[in-house]
Amino acid sequence: TSVQEATENGWITESVKSPSWYHTWDYLKIDKVVWSVLPSQTLTLIAMISVVGLSSSLDIAAIETEMKRPLDYNHELKTVGISNIISGMTGGYTGSYIFSQTIFSLRMGIRSRLMGYVIAILALVFVVIPINILSYIPTFFFGSLLMMICLDLMFEWLIDVREKVTSAEYVIVLSTFLLLLTLGVEFGIIAGVVLYVIIQRMGYDVGKDEKLNEDDMAIANSRIEDLQNIEVF
């Protein structure tokens, strides 16, 4: 089967000629921005900033859970913030850690920073080369990959997490999941936070902030040197 036949049958996406990478910024025209519309988008901007900030915190929490050691939230969020500022100033999108890739790499036993450099170099190569590589990759590959990630995350955070949290916390987890599906990301998160506050005020056990004791701190400090090579992508 030729590439054209595979495209016509929907097995791979249609190849679209992409502009050269150095022409990308030709489409970034500040003078075309309708600034008068910006005030009406204030709530949307606030919601977007809040969602990115919260999702970044959740990404860090997921990585922290997988690594089984505390991370410096302030340092990690600063990294995300600086990256987003640079991306925005150069015409890019907002983003956060690809925590699923980090977790998969950790589970594969990868502990070297080399993994991060390889990904960065490959991403740069894909941007620079004049060929749309995605047009040669079968669409079912992306579908199966997304399905695998979805099922893995749902099992881990909706089923497997049951043994790691209190009953009240598990109710919050399931309720927030349903609220996100019903109300959307922004309002679903807000509703989930409100639900958490209500359940906490009702006196139910929603978990406690635990600090490492001296023994735990000694063990953690002795492992820091080894764990410094773990790359958070």
C-alpha atoms as a PDB file:
ATOM      1  CA  THR A   1       0.000   0.000   0.000  1.00  0.00           C
ATOM      2  CA  SER A   2       1.352   3.395  -0.952  1.00  0.00           C
ATOM      3  CA  VAL A   3       1.433   6.400   1.350  1.00  0.00           C
ATOM      4  CA  GLN A   4      -1.269   8.056  -0.740  1.00  0.00           C
ATOM      5  CA  GLU A   5      -3.588   5.050  -0.452  1.00  0.00           C
ATOM      6  CA  ALA A   6      -2.992   4.815   3.292  1.00  0.00           C
ATOM      7  CA  THR A   7      -3.845   8.517   3.606  1.00  0.00           C
ATOM      8  CA  GLU A   8      -7.032   8.163   1.567  1.00  0.00           C
ATOM      9  CA  ASN A   9      -8.129   5.241   3.746  1.00  0.00           C
ATOM     10  CA  GLY A  10      -7.506   7.224   6.924  1.00  0.00           C
ATOM     11  CA  TRP A  11      -4.589   5.161   8.241  1.00  0.00           C
ATOM     12  CA  ILE A  12      -2.235   8.149   8.337  1.00  0.00           C
ATOM     13  CA  THR A  13      -2.917  11.855   8.441  1.00  0.00           C
ATOM     14  CA  GLU A  14      -2.783  13.955   5.320  1.00  0.00           C
ATOM     15  CA  SER A  15       0.580  15.558   4.746  1.00  0.00           C
ATOM     16  CA  VAL A  16       0.425  19.340   5.058  1.00  0.00           C
ATOM     17  CA  LYS A  17       3.340  21.427   3.925  1.00  0.00           C
ATOM     18  CA  SER A  18       4.767  23.189   6.941  1.00  0.00           C
ATOM     19  CA  PRO A  19       6.634  26.486   6.740  1.00  0.00           C
ATOM     20  CA  SER A  20      10.332  26.513   7.474  1.00  0.00           C
ATOM     21  CA  TRP A  21      11.079  26.958  11.154  1.00  0.00           C
ATOM     22  CA  TYR A  22      12.671  30.355  10.592  1.00  0.00           C
ATOM     23  CA  HIS A  23       9.417  31.609   9.019  1.00  0.00           C
ATOM     24  CA  THR A  24       7.365  30.622  12.069  1.00  0.00           C
ATOM     25  CA  TRP A  25       7.630  34.077  13.597  1.00  0.00           C
ATOM     26  CA  ASP A  26       6.292  35.647  10.402  1.00  0.00           C
ATOM     27  CA  TYR A  27       2.846  34.728  11.723  1.00  0.00           C
ATOM     28  CA  LEU A  28       3.479  36.491  15.042  1.00  0.00           C
ATOM     29  CA  LYS A  29       2.143  39.949  14.250  1.00  0.00           C
ATOM     30  CA  ILE A  30       1.628  42.051  17.355  1.00  0.00           C
ATOM     31  CA  ASP A  31       0.150  44.900  15.304  1.00  0.00           C
ATOM     32  CA  LYS A  32      -2.768  42.638  14.324  1.00  0.00           C
ATOM     33  CA  VAL A  33      -3.828  42.043  17.925  1.00  0.00           C
ATOM     34  CA  VAL A  34      -7.210  43.625  18.761  1.00  0.00           C
ATOM     35  CA  TRP A  35      -6.293  45.007  22.188  1.00  0.00           C
ATOM     36  CA  SER A  36      -9.806  46.359  22.767  1.00  0.00           C
ATOM     37  CA  VAL A  37     -11.037  42.787  23.215  1.00  0.00           C
ATOM     38  CA  LEU A  38      -8.504  42.012  25.960  1.00  0.00           C
ATOM     39  CA  PRO A  39     -10.570  43.375  28.907  1.00  0.00           C
ATOM     40  CA  SER A  40     -13.466  41.073  28.024  1.00  0.00           C
ATOM     41  CA  GLN A  41     -11.075  38.102  28.245  1.00  0.00           C
ATOM     42  CA  THR A  42      -9.906  38.914  31.775  1.00  0.00           C
ATOM     43  CA  LEU A  43     -11.805  36.046  33.423  1.00  0.00           C
ATOM     44  CA  THR A  44     -10.563  33.629  30.767  1.00  0.00           C
ATOM     45  CA  LEU A  45      -6.965  34.724  31.348  1.00  0.00           C
ATOM     46  CA  ILE A  46      -7.321  34.368  35.118  1.00  0.00           C
ATOM     47  CA  ALA A  47      -8.868  30.924  34.678  1.00  0.00           C
ATOM     48  CA  MET A  48      -6.087  29.872  32.306  1.00  0.00           C
ATOM     49  CA  ILE A  49      -3.363  31.058  34.683  1.00  0.00           C
ATOM     50  CA  SER A  50      -5.068  29.290  37.595  1.00  0.00           C
ATOM     51  CA  VAL A  51      -5.494  26.047  35.652  1.00  0.00           C
ATOM     52  CA  VAL A  52      -1.865  26.043  34.484  1.00  0.00           C
ATOM     53  CA  GLY A  53      -0.659  26.789  38.022  1.00  0.00           C
ATOM     54  CA  LEU A  54      -2.843  24.092  39.577  1.00  0.00           C
ATOM     55  CA  SER A  55      -2.118  21.516  36.901  1.00  0.00           C
ATOM     56  CA  SER A  56       1.605  22.165  37.341  1.00  0.00           C
ATOM     57  CA  SER A  57       1.206  21.514  41.074  1.00  0.00           C
ATOM     58  CA  LEU A  58      -0.642  18.281  40.334  1.00  0.00           C
ATOM     59  CA  ASP A  59       2.100  17.252  37.887  1.00  0.00           C
ATOM     60  CA  ILE A  60       4.716  17.795  40.581  1.00  0.00           C
ATOM     61  CA  ALA A  61       2.599  15.843  43.080  1.00  0.00           C
ATOM     62  CA  ALA A  62       2.299  12.933  40.652  1.00  0.00           C
ATOM     63  CA  ILE A  63       6.062  12.851  40.097  1.00  0.00           C
ATOM     64  CA  GLU A  64       6.659  13.207  43.824  1.00  0.00           C
ATOM     65  CA  THR A  65       4.393  10.235  44.504  1.00  0.00           C
ATOM     66  CA  GLU A  66       6.215   8.098  41.956  1.00  0.00           C
ATOM     67  CA  MET A  67       9.654   9.069  43.270  1.00  0.00           C
ATOM     68  CA  LYS A  68       8.538   8.543  46.891  1.00  0.00           C
ATOM     69  CA  ARG A  69      10.449  11.605  48.061  1.00  0.00           C
ATOM     70  CA  PRO A  70       9.430  15.248  48.561  1.00  0.00           C
ATOM     71  CA  LEU A  71      10.198  17.790  45.848  1.00  0.00           C
ATOM     72  CA  ASP A  72      10.798  21.508  46.193  1.00  0.00           C
ATOM     73  CA  TYR A  73       7.449  22.836  44.939  1.00  0.00           C
ATOM     74  CA  ASN A  74       8.676  26.415  44.864  1.00  0.00           C
ATOM     75  CA  HIS A  75      11.693  25.534  42.725  1.00  0.00           C
ATOM     76  CA  GLU A  76       9.657  23.382  40.338  1.00  0.00           C
ATOM     77  CA  LEU A  77       6.914  26.010  39.913  1.00  0.00           C
ATOM     78  CA  LYS A  78       9.528  28.689  39.271  1.00  0.00           C
ATOM     79  CA  THR A  79      10.942  26.493  36.514  1.00  0.00           C
ATOM     80  CA  VAL A  80       7.494  26.144  34.935  1.00  0.00           C
ATOM     81  CA  GLY A  81       6.839  29.879  35.287  1.00  0.00           C
ATOM     82  CA  ILE A  82      10.110  30.963  33.704  1.00  0.00           C
ATOM     83  CA  SER A  83       9.625  28.466  30.873  1.00  0.00           C
ATOM     84  CA  ASN A  84       6.136  29.824  30.174  1.00  0.00           C
ATOM     85  CA  ILE A  85       7.389  33.415  30.170  1.00  0.00           C
ATOM     86  CA  ILE A  86      10.084  32.552  27.629  1.00  0.00           C
ATOM     87  CA  SER A  87       7.582  30.574  25.555  1.00  0.00           C
ATOM     88  CA  GLY A  88       5.082  33.422  25.578  1.00  0.00           C
ATOM     89  CA  MET A  89       7.652  36.044  24.617  1.00  0.00           C
ATOM     90  CA  THR A  90       8.711  33.945  21.635  1.00  0.00           C
ATOM     91  CA  GLY A  91       5.182  33.199  20.417  1.00  0.00           C
ATOM     92  CA  GLY A  92       4.760  29.785  22.028  1.00  0.00           C
ATOM     93  CA  TYR A  93       2.072  28.147  24.146  1.00  0.00           C
ATOM     94  CA  THR A  94       1.681  27.664  27.862  1.00  0.00           C
ATOM     95  CA  GLY A  95       2.634  24.307  29.266  1.00  0.00           C
ATOM     96  CA  SER A  96       3.901  22.273  32.184  1.00  0.00           C
ATOM     97  CA  TYR A  97       5.805  19.091  32.912  1.00  0.00           C
ATOM     98  CA  ILE A  98       5.027  16.007  30.856  1.00  0.00           C
ATOM     99  CA  PHE A  99       4.626  14.053  34.073  1.00  0.00           C
ATOM    100  CA  SER A 100       3.415  10.922  32.274  1.00  0.00           C
ATOM    101  CA  GLN A 101       6.687  10.744  30.349  1.00  0.00           C
ATOM    102  CA  THR A 102       8.649  11.268  33.540  1.00  0.00           C
ATOM    103  CA  ILE A 103       6.740   8.525  35.335  1.00  0.00           C
ATOM    104  CA  PHE A 104       7.094   6.096  32.430  1.00  0.00           C
ATOM    105  CA  SER A 105      10.833   6.796  32.296  1.00  0.00           C
ATOM    106  CA  LEU A 106      11.185   6.217  36.031  1.00  0.00           C
ATOM    107  CA  ARG A 107       9.314   2.941  35.785  1.00  0.00           C
ATOM    108  CA  MET A 108      11.657   1.866  32.980  1.00  0.00           C
ATOM    109  CA  GLY A 109      14.585   2.428  35.328  1.00  0.00           C
ATOM    110  CA  ILE A 110      15.932   5.557  33.623  1.00  0.00           C
ATOM    111  CA  ARG A 111      17.772   7.724  36.158  1.00  0.00           C
ATOM    112  CA  SER A 112      20.081   9.732  33.912  1.00  0.00           C
ATOM    113  CA  ARG A 113      19.724  13.380  32.838  1.00  0.00           C
ATOM    114  CA  LEU A 114      20.782  12.204  29.399  1.00  0.00           C
ATOM    115  CA  MET A 115      17.141  11.270  28.755  1.00  0.00           C
ATOM    116  CA  GLY A 116      16.121  14.923  29.009  1.00  0.00           C
ATOM    117  CA  TYR A 117      18.875  16.076  26.671  1.00  0.00           C
ATOM    118  CA  VAL A 118      17.970  13.425  24.090  1.00  0.00           C
ATOM    119  CA  ILE A 119      14.309  14.501  24.128  1.00  0.00           C
ATOM    120  CA  ALA A 120      15.260  18.182  23.796  1.00  0.00           C
ATOM    121  CA  ILE A 121      17.610  17.481  20.873  1.00  0.00           C
ATOM    122  CA  LEU A 122      15.054  15.303  19.062  1.00  0.00           C
ATOM    123  CA  ALA A 123      12.354  17.951  19.545  1.00  0.00           C
ATOM    124  CA  LEU A 124      14.678  20.563  18.036  1.00  0.00           C
ATOM    125  CA  VAL A 125      15.478  18.272  15.100  1.00  0.00           C
ATOM    126  CA  PHE A 126      11.777  17.661  14.404  1.00  0.00           C
ATOM    127  CA  VAL A 127      11.169  21.420  14.338  1.00  0.00           C
ATOM    128  CA  VAL A 128      14.086  22.204  12.032  1.00  0.00           C
ATOM    129  CA  ILE A 129      13.718  19.465   9.417  1.00  0.00           C
ATOM    130  CA  PRO A 130      11.399  20.397   6.509  1.00  0.00           C
ATOM    131  CA  ILE A 131       9.476  17.101   6.679  1.00  0.00           C
ATOM    132  CA  ASN A 132       6.243  16.560   8.593  1.00  0.00           C
ATOM    133  CA  ILE A 133       7.159  13.301  10.324  1.00  0.00           C
ATOM    134  CA  LEU A 134       3.717  12.945  11.911  1.00  0.00           C
ATOM    135  CA  SER A 135       2.170  12.468   8.473  1.00  0.00           C
ATOM    136  CA  TYR A 136       4.055   9.154   8.175  1.00  0.00           C
ATOM    137  CA  ILE A 137       3.022   7.767  11.548  1.00  0.00           C
ATOM    138  CA  PRO A 138      -0.225   5.711  11.614  1.00  0.00           C
ATOM    139  CA  THR A 139      -3.109   7.448  13.358  1.00  0.00           C
ATOM    140  CA  PHE A 140      -3.927   4.312  15.356  1.00  0.00           C
ATOM    141  CA  PHE A 141      -0.492   4.641  16.991  1.00  0.00           C
ATOM    142  CA  PHE A 142      -1.506   7.961  18.534  1.00  0.00           C
ATOM    143  CA  GLY A 143      -4.924   6.595  19.442  1.00  0.00           C
ATOM    144  CA  SER A 144      -3.486   3.531  21.160  1.00  0.00           C
ATOM    145  CA  LEU A 145      -0.864   5.636  22.967  1.00  0.00           C
ATOM    146  CA  LEU A 146      -3.474   8.056  24.296  1.00  0.00           C
ATOM    147  CA  MET A 147      -5.685   5.125  25.298  1.00  0.00           C
ATOM    148  CA  MET A 148      -2.827   3.481  27.188  1.00  0.00           C
ATOM    149  CA  ILE A 149      -1.979   6.697  29.046  1.00  0.00           C
ATOM    150  CA  CYS A 150      -5.656   7.334  29.814  1.00  0.00           C
ATOM    151  CA  LEU A 151      -6.300   3.844  31.185  1.00  0.00           C
ATOM    152  CA  ASP A 152      -3.080   3.854  33.206  1.00  0.00           C
ATOM    153  CA  LEU A 153      -3.848   7.223  34.819  1.00  0.00           C
ATOM    154  CA  MET A 154      -7.497   6.354  35.485  1.00  0.00           C
ATOM    155  CA  PHE A 155      -6.564   3.058  37.122  1.00  0.00           C
ATOM    156  CA  GLU A 156      -3.838   4.670  39.209  1.00  0.00           C
ATOM    157  CA  TRP A 157      -5.815   7.710  40.379  1.00  0.00           C
ATOM    158  CA  LEU A 158      -9.342   6.285  40.538  1.00  0.00           C
ATOM    159  CA  ILE A 159      -8.817   2.674  41.610  1.00  0.00           C
ATOM    160  CA  ASP A 160      -5.313   2.016  42.904  1.00  0.00           C
ATOM    161  CA  VAL A 161      -5.318   5.234  44.964  1.00  0.00           C
ATOM    162  CA  ARG A 162      -8.150   3.860  47.115  1.00  0.00           C
ATOM    163  CA  GLU A 163      -5.689   2.106  49.411  1.00  0.00           C
ATOM    164  CA  LYS A 164      -3.587   5.249  49.839  1.00  0.00           C
ATOM    165  CA  VAL A 165      -6.223   7.762  50.978  1.00  0.00           C
ATOM    166  CA  THR A 166      -9.017   8.018  53.524  1.00  0.00           C
ATOM    167  CA  SER A 167     -12.639   7.326  52.622  1.00  0.00           C
ATOM    168  CA  ALA A 168     -13.452  11.048  52.617  1.00  0.00           C
ATOM    169  CA  GLU A 169     -10.512  11.781  50.336  1.00  0.00           C
ATOM    170  CA  TYR A 170     -11.596   9.030  47.964  1.00  0.00           C
ATOM    171  CA  VAL A 171     -15.085  10.547  47.772  1.00  0.00           C
ATOM    172  CA  ILE A 172     -13.477  13.873  46.894  1.00  0.00           C
ATOM    173  CA  VAL A 173     -11.364  12.215  44.188  1.00  0.00           C
ATOM    174  CA  LEU A 174     -14.339  10.527  42.518  1.00  0.00           C
ATOM    175  CA  SER A 175     -16.575  13.588  42.895  1.00  0.00           C
ATOM    176  CA  THR A 176     -13.943  15.925  41.440  1.00  0.00           C
ATOM    177  CA  PHE A 177     -13.482  13.558  38.496  1.00  0.00           C
ATOM    178  CA  LEU A 178     -17.209  13.619  37.778  1.00  0.00           C
ATOM    179  CA  LEU A 179     -17.352  17.408  38.256  1.00  0.00           C
ATOM    180  CA  LEU A 180     -14.558  17.862  35.729  1.00  0.00           C
ATOM    181  CA  LEU A 181     -16.454  15.774  33.193  1.00  0.00           C
ATOM    182  CA  THR A 182     -19.694  17.645  33.860  1.00  0.00           C
ATOM    183  CA  LEU A 183     -18.587  21.257  34.346  1.00  0.00           C
ATOM    184  CA  GLY A 184     -15.342  21.398  32.428  1.00  0.00           C
ATOM    185  CA  VAL A 185     -11.807  21.905  33.694  1.00  0.00           C
ATOM    186  CA  GLU A 186     -12.061  25.409  35.194  1.00  0.00           C
ATOM    187  CA  PHE A 187     -15.398  25.101  37.002  1.00  0.00           C
ATOM    188  CA  GLY A 188     -14.769  21.430  37.815  1.00  0.00           C
ATOM    189  CA  ILE A 189     -11.579  22.320  39.693  1.00  0.00           C
ATOM    190  CA  ILE A 190     -13.319  25.137  41.557  1.00  0.00           C
ATOM    191  CA  ALA A 191     -16.205  22.838  42.499  1.00  0.00           C
ATOM    192  CA  GLY A 192     -13.737  20.180  43.654  1.00  0.00           C
ATOM    193  CA  VAL A 193     -11.954  22.664  45.911  1.00  0.00           C
ATOM    194  CA  VAL A 194     -15.290  23.833  47.355  1.00  0.00           C
ATOM    195  CA  LEU A 195     -16.283  20.209  47.976  1.00  0.00           C
ATOM    196  CA  TYR A 196     -12.974  19.582  49.751  1.00  0.00           C
ATOM    197  CA  VAL A 197     -13.511  22.595  52.038  1.00  0.00           C
ATOM    198  CA  ILE A 198     -17.086  21.511  52.827  1.00  0.00           C
ATOM    199  CA  ILE A 199     -16.085  17.938  53.693  1.00  0.00           C
ATOM    200  CA  GLN A 200     -13.179  19.180  55.786  1.00  0.00           C
ATOM    201  CA  ARG A 201     -15.454  21.594  57.689  1.00  0.00           C
ATOM    202  CA  MET A 202     -17.865  18.744  58.349  1.00  0.00           C
ATOM    203  CA  GLY A 203     -15.106  17.074  60.364  1.00  0.00           C
ATOM    204  CA  TYR A 204     -14.251  14.188  58.052  1.00  0.00           C
ATOM    205  CA  ASP A 205     -10.671  12.950  57.810  1.00  0.00           C
ATOM    206  CA  VAL A 206      -9.224  14.366  54.602  1.00  0.00           C
ATOM    207  CA  GLY A 207      -5.620  13.567  55.414  1.00  0.00           C
ATOM    208  CA  LYS A 208      -3.008  15.407  57.384  1.00  0.00           C
ATOM    209  CA  ASP A 209       0.217  17.116  56.428  1.00  0.00           C
ATOM    210  CA  GLU A 210       2.960  14.839  57.595  1.00  0.00           C
ATOM    211  CA  LYS A 211       6.538  15.925  58.249  1.00  0.00           C
ATOM    212  CA  LEU A 212       9.535  13.661  58.053  1.00  0.00           C
ATOM    213  CA  ASN A 213      10.924  12.676  61.417  1.00  0.00           C
ATOM    214  CA  GLU A 214      14.646  12.734  62.165  1.00  0.00           C
ATOM    215  CA  ASP A 215      15.193   9.160  60.993  1.00  0.00           C
ATOM    216  CA  ASP A 216      13.354   9.807  57.733  1.00  0.00           C
ATOM    217  CA  MET A 217      15.357  12.999  57.201  1.00  0.00           C
ATOM    218  CA  ALA A 218      18.624  11.118  57.757  1.00  0.00           C
ATOM    219  CA  ILE A 219      17.625   8.454  55.230  1.00  0.00           C
ATOM    220  CA  ALA A 220      16.454  11.080  52.737  1.00  0.00           C
ATOM    221  CA  ASN A 221      19.669  13.081  53.068  1.00  0.00           C
ATOM    222  CA  SER A 222      21.782   9.978  52.530  1.00  0.00           C
ATOM    223  CA  ARG A 223      19.932   9.313  49.254  1.00  0.00           C
ATOM    224  CA  ILE A 224      19.985  12.850  47.872  1.00  0.00           C
ATOM    225  CA  GLU A 225      23.249  12.359  46.014  1.00  0.00           C
ATOM    226  CA  ASP A 226      21.893   9.310  44.174  1.00  0.00           C
ATOM    227  CA  LEU A 227      18.520  10.885  43.471  1.00  0.00           C
ATOM    228  CA  GLN A 228      19.985  14.078  42.018  1.00  0.00           C
ATOM    229  CA  ASN A 229      20.479  12.261  38.738  1.00  0.00           C
ATOM    230  CA  ILE A 230      16.752  11.696  38.369  1.00  0.00           C
ATOM    231  CA  GLU A 231      15.538  14.019  35.625  1.00  0.00           C
ATOM    232  CA  VAL A 232      12.115  15.628  35.856  1.00  0.00           C
ATOM    233  CA  PHE A 233      11.081  16.206  32.233  1.00  0.00           C
END
